[in-house]
């Protein structure tokens, strides 16, 4: 279908599955350099002692020699030491880029100022009901690429039945799903929409043959609310994250 970005994580339990697919695809259908593969460091491995071994284990499961992007998945445990370990991997050319996920503006600024290499990416929650407008401006000022996880808000709160999104979609002969993804892409944000269904995968990819107008963009911008699914500034969220095991869902 044309997908070239694979977003994996130790906590998703999807590395071996992606690795199996790559084993049967690389050099037959695609070359390694045509793909962009992201790996993420599980919170229990976020320490100076564990980061390199953890990364190597991820690459082994994926069947690759290097990841294009390696992220600290959650702002928990010894993220400073872990990131310095990631810098060593980057300097040794074992990974193409390093970054973080779920970091707020203050934590991101601290990393930019105090780490030898600033994060290339910050992967955060972003969808029409939580648009991260100010966070995006801040990341642009720091030259850190924003990447959106759960751009469809995991289909919660009837977002795919939102009248504004449906009406805009009708005008372009597109679904609400496609309108959402197009909106995020037009803002200059990398978006990753997961699905286990082939029909949904095709739908997710069909966003490059239309453009939202300035009026469309303004209407969607009005859907923004201050409510997010996962608040990493909430102690209860951090406690909950620290209790997660590999393979356990991050949905609450």
Protein backbone atom coordinates (compact mmCIF):
# COMPACT_ATOMS: atom_id res chain seq x y z
CA UNK A 1 0.00 0.00 0.00
CA UNK A 2 3.01 2.27 0.21
CA UNK A 3 3.67 2.54 3.94
CA UNK A 4 7.37 3.02 4.63
CA UNK A 5 7.34 4.07 8.30
CA UNK A 6 7.10 1.36 10.95
CA UNK A 7 6.52 2.62 14.49
CA UNK A 8 7.57 -0.06 16.95
CA UNK A 9 8.19 -0.20 20.68
CA UNK A 10 9.24 -2.74 23.25
CA UNK A 11 6.06 -2.06 25.19
CA UNK A 12 3.88 -2.71 22.11
CA UNK A 13 5.20 -6.25 21.76
CA UNK A 14 5.27 -5.77 17.97
CA UNK A 15 9.00 -5.96 17.23
CA UNK A 16 9.09 -9.67 16.38
CA UNK A 17 6.00 -9.40 14.20
CA UNK A 18 7.45 -6.51 12.22
CA UNK A 19 10.76 -8.34 12.06
CA UNK A 20 9.07 -11.41 10.58
CA UNK A 21 7.46 -9.27 7.89
CA UNK A 22 10.69 -7.45 7.09
CA UNK A 23 12.55 -10.75 6.81
CA UNK A 24 10.15 -11.81 4.08
CA UNK A 25 10.08 -8.42 2.37
CA UNK A 26 13.52 -6.81 2.40
CA UNK A 27 15.57 -7.20 -0.78
CA UNK A 28 12.60 -8.91 -2.43
CA UNK A 29 10.11 -6.04 -2.47
CA UNK A 30 11.88 -3.21 -0.67
CA UNK A 31 15.39 -2.24 0.31
CA UNK A 32 16.25 -1.37 3.92
CA UNK A 33 17.10 2.24 3.01
CA UNK A 34 13.58 2.71 1.64
CA UNK A 35 12.07 2.14 5.09
CA UNK A 36 12.00 4.30 8.22
CA UNK A 37 11.89 2.15 11.35
CA UNK A 38 11.36 3.60 14.82
CA UNK A 39 12.21 1.74 18.02
CA UNK A 40 11.35 2.86 21.55
CA UNK A 41 13.04 2.27 24.88
CA UNK A 42 10.82 0.65 27.51
CA UNK A 43 10.77 2.48 30.87
CA UNK A 44 12.33 -0.43 32.78
CA UNK A 45 15.34 -0.21 30.42
CA UNK A 46 15.75 3.56 30.77
CA UNK A 47 19.08 3.48 32.57
CA UNK A 48 22.76 3.87 31.73
CA UNK A 49 23.42 0.17 32.20
CA UNK A 50 20.55 -1.18 30.11
CA UNK A 51 20.07 1.14 27.13
CA UNK A 52 22.63 -0.36 24.73
CA UNK A 53 21.68 -3.97 25.39
CA UNK A 54 18.01 -3.05 25.15
CA UNK A 55 18.53 -1.34 21.77
CA UNK A 56 20.50 -4.28 20.42
CA UNK A 57 17.74 -6.66 21.49
CA UNK A 58 15.16 -4.54 19.68
CA UNK A 59 17.24 -4.51 16.49
CA UNK A 60 17.68 -8.29 16.73
CA UNK A 61 13.94 -8.86 17.03
CA UNK A 62 13.32 -6.48 14.12
CA UNK A 63 16.01 -8.18 12.07
CA UNK A 64 17.79 -4.91 11.29
CA UNK A 65 21.30 -3.58 11.78
CA UNK A 66 20.12 -0.13 12.81
CA UNK A 67 16.97 1.86 13.61
CA UNK A 68 16.27 5.13 11.83
CA UNK A 69 14.91 6.60 15.06
CA UNK A 70 15.28 5.52 18.69
CA UNK A 71 13.04 7.19 21.27
CA UNK A 72 12.73 7.28 25.04
CA UNK A 73 9.13 6.10 25.21
CA UNK A 74 7.96 7.66 28.46
CA UNK A 75 9.38 10.41 30.74
CA UNK A 76 9.96 7.96 33.60
CA UNK A 77 12.98 6.28 35.22
CA UNK A 78 16.53 7.57 34.58
CA UNK A 79 15.85 9.32 31.28
CA UNK A 80 18.98 11.50 31.51
CA UNK A 81 21.37 8.57 31.75
CA UNK A 82 19.40 6.61 29.16
CA UNK A 83 19.59 9.47 26.67
CA UNK A 84 23.34 9.81 27.17
CA UNK A 85 23.56 6.10 26.34
CA UNK A 86 21.53 6.79 23.21
CA UNK A 87 23.94 9.58 22.28
CA UNK A 88 26.77 7.02 22.43
CA UNK A 89 24.84 4.79 20.04
CA UNK A 90 24.27 7.75 17.73
CA UNK A 91 27.94 8.79 17.78
CA UNK A 92 28.90 5.20 17.01
CA UNK A 93 26.53 5.37 14.01
CA UNK A 94 24.44 2.49 15.32
CA UNK A 95 21.27 4.56 15.06
CA UNK A 96 20.37 7.32 12.57
CA UNK A 97 18.51 9.64 14.95
CA UNK A 98 17.46 9.80 18.60
CA UNK A 99 14.62 11.51 20.38
CA UNK A 100 11.93 11.38 23.03
CA UNK A 101 8.23 10.73 23.43
CA UNK A 102 5.61 12.30 25.69
CA UNK A 103 7.90 15.10 26.89
CA UNK A 104 6.24 18.39 27.82
CA UNK A 105 7.78 21.74 26.85
CA UNK A 106 9.71 22.22 30.09
CA UNK A 107 11.23 18.74 30.05
CA UNK A 108 12.10 19.08 26.37
CA UNK A 109 13.82 22.44 26.95
CA UNK A 110 15.85 20.90 29.76
CA UNK A 111 17.03 18.14 27.44
CA UNK A 112 17.89 20.57 24.66
CA UNK A 113 19.95 22.71 27.01
CA UNK A 114 21.73 19.94 28.93
CA UNK A 115 22.28 17.10 26.49
CA UNK A 116 25.09 17.07 23.92
CA UNK A 117 22.65 16.25 21.11
CA UNK A 118 19.11 17.57 21.19
CA UNK A 119 16.20 15.23 20.45
CA UNK A 120 15.39 15.09 16.75
CA UNK A 121 11.77 14.12 17.47
CA UNK A 122 9.20 14.42 20.24
CA UNK A 123 6.34 11.98 19.71
CA UNK A 124 3.25 13.22 21.56
CA UNK A 125 -0.50 12.82 21.70
CA UNK A 126 -2.11 14.94 18.98
CA UNK A 127 -5.56 14.82 17.40
CA UNK A 128 -8.36 17.30 16.59
CA UNK A 129 -9.61 17.23 20.19
CA UNK A 130 -6.10 17.89 21.57
CA UNK A 131 -4.12 19.72 18.93
CA UNK A 132 -0.95 20.78 20.76
CA UNK A 133 -0.82 24.16 18.95
CA UNK A 134 1.52 25.85 21.45
CA UNK A 135 3.63 22.72 21.87
CA UNK A 136 4.14 22.58 18.12
CA UNK A 137 5.23 26.22 17.99
CA UNK A 138 7.68 25.54 20.80
CA UNK A 139 9.12 22.49 19.06
CA UNK A 140 9.49 24.45 15.84
CA UNK A 141 11.48 27.09 17.73
CA UNK A 142 13.78 24.34 19.03
CA UNK A 143 13.93 22.64 15.60
CA UNK A 144 12.49 19.43 17.05
CA UNK A 145 10.12 17.50 14.79
CA UNK A 146 6.69 16.86 16.29
CA UNK A 147 5.18 13.42 15.66
CA UNK A 148 1.58 12.58 16.53
CA UNK A 149 0.54 9.38 18.25
CA UNK A 150 -3.14 8.39 18.27
CA UNK A 151 -4.10 11.04 15.67
CA UNK A 152 -7.56 9.45 15.55
CA UNK A 153 -7.82 9.50 19.36
CA UNK A 154 -8.20 5.72 19.21
CA UNK A 155 -11.72 6.41 17.84
CA UNK A 156 -12.81 7.63 21.29
CA UNK A 157 -15.47 10.25 22.09
CA UNK A 158 -17.13 9.63 18.70
CA UNK A 159 -14.41 11.66 16.99
CA UNK A 160 -14.95 9.79 13.72
CA UNK A 161 -18.60 10.85 13.80
CA UNK A 162 -17.81 14.50 14.45
CA UNK A 163 -20.13 16.61 12.24
CA UNK A 164 -17.47 19.16 11.37
CA UNK A 165 -15.07 16.47 10.19
CA UNK A 166 -17.79 14.57 8.33
CA UNK A 167 -18.98 17.70 6.52
CA UNK A 168 -15.46 18.62 5.45
CA UNK A 169 -14.92 15.04 4.34
CA UNK A 170 -18.11 15.05 2.30
CA UNK A 171 -16.88 18.11 0.40
CA UNK A 172 -13.67 16.32 -0.55
CA UNK A 173 -15.24 12.84 -0.89
CA UNK A 174 -13.13 11.69 2.05
CA UNK A 175 -13.79 10.08 5.43
CA UNK A 176 -13.40 11.78 8.80
CA UNK A 177 -10.33 9.59 9.33
CA UNK A 178 -8.72 10.96 6.19
CA UNK A 179 -9.64 14.54 7.06
CA UNK A 180 -7.97 14.16 10.47
CA UNK A 181 -4.76 12.73 9.06
CA UNK A 182 -4.65 15.33 6.30
CA UNK A 183 -5.12 18.11 8.84
CA UNK A 184 -2.19 16.91 10.92
CA UNK A 185 0.07 16.44 7.89
CA UNK A 186 -0.78 19.90 6.56
CA UNK A 187 0.33 21.33 9.90
CA UNK A 188 3.76 19.84 9.26
CA UNK A 189 3.40 17.08 11.85
CA UNK A 190 4.40 13.46 11.22
CA UNK A 191 1.41 11.22 11.85
CA UNK A 192 1.17 7.49 12.58
CA UNK A 193 -2.24 5.83 12.44
CA UNK A 194 -2.31 2.16 13.41
CA UNK A 195 -4.78 -0.44 12.21
CA UNK A 196 -5.08 -4.21 11.99
CA UNK A 197 -7.59 -4.04 9.12
CA UNK A 198 -6.45 -3.77 5.50
CA UNK A 199 -9.40 -1.56 4.54
CA UNK A 200 -8.48 0.90 7.29
CA UNK A 201 -4.83 0.86 6.22
CA UNK A 202 -5.88 1.83 2.70
CA UNK A 203 -8.09 4.54 4.16
CA UNK A 204 -5.27 5.88 6.34
CA UNK A 205 -2.95 6.13 3.35
CA UNK A 206 -5.43 7.91 1.07
CA UNK A 207 -4.64 11.46 2.19
CA UNK A 208 -2.24 12.68 -0.49
CA UNK A 209 -4.68 13.39 -3.30
CA UNK A 210 -6.51 16.32 -1.71
CA UNK A 211 -5.77 19.50 0.23
CA UNK A 212 -7.79 21.12 3.00
CA UNK A 213 -8.59 24.78 2.43
CA UNK A 214 -7.70 27.51 4.89
CA UNK A 215 -11.39 27.57 5.84
CA UNK A 216 -11.36 23.80 6.46
CA UNK A 217 -8.26 24.13 8.62
CA UNK A 218 -9.82 26.95 10.65
CA UNK A 219 -12.98 24.92 11.31
CA UNK A 220 -11.00 21.93 12.55
CA UNK A 221 -8.84 24.19 14.74
CA UNK A 222 -11.99 25.18 16.63
CA UNK A 223 -12.46 21.55 17.77
CA UNK A 224 -9.44 21.82 20.07
CA UNK A 225 -9.96 21.20 23.80
CA UNK A 226 -7.52 21.09 26.74
CA UNK A 227 -8.36 17.44 27.44
CA UNK A 228 -5.87 14.69 26.63
CA UNK A 229 -5.98 10.92 27.04
CA UNK A 230 -2.70 10.56 28.93
CA UNK A 231 -1.49 13.35 31.24
CA UNK A 232 2.22 12.86 31.94
CA UNK A 233 2.16 15.66 34.51
CA UNK A 234 -0.26 13.70 36.66
CA UNK A 235 1.46 11.59 39.40
CA UNK A 236 -1.22 8.93 39.02
CA UNK A 237 -0.34 8.57 35.32
CA UNK A 238 3.37 8.18 36.11
CA UNK A 239 2.55 5.55 38.76
CA UNK A 240 0.34 3.71 36.28
CA UNK A 241 3.02 3.83 33.57
CA UNK A 242 5.67 2.49 35.94
CA UNK A 243 3.42 -0.47 36.71
CA UNK A 244 3.02 -1.44 33.04
CA UNK A 245 4.79 -4.52 31.71
CA UNK A 246 5.99 -5.15 28.17
CA UNK A 247 3.05 -5.97 25.93
CA UNK A 248 0.43 -4.42 28.22
CA UNK A 249 -1.86 -1.93 26.53
CA UNK A 250 -1.27 1.78 27.12
CA UNK A 251 -4.98 2.42 26.74
CA UNK A 252 -6.74 3.47 29.94
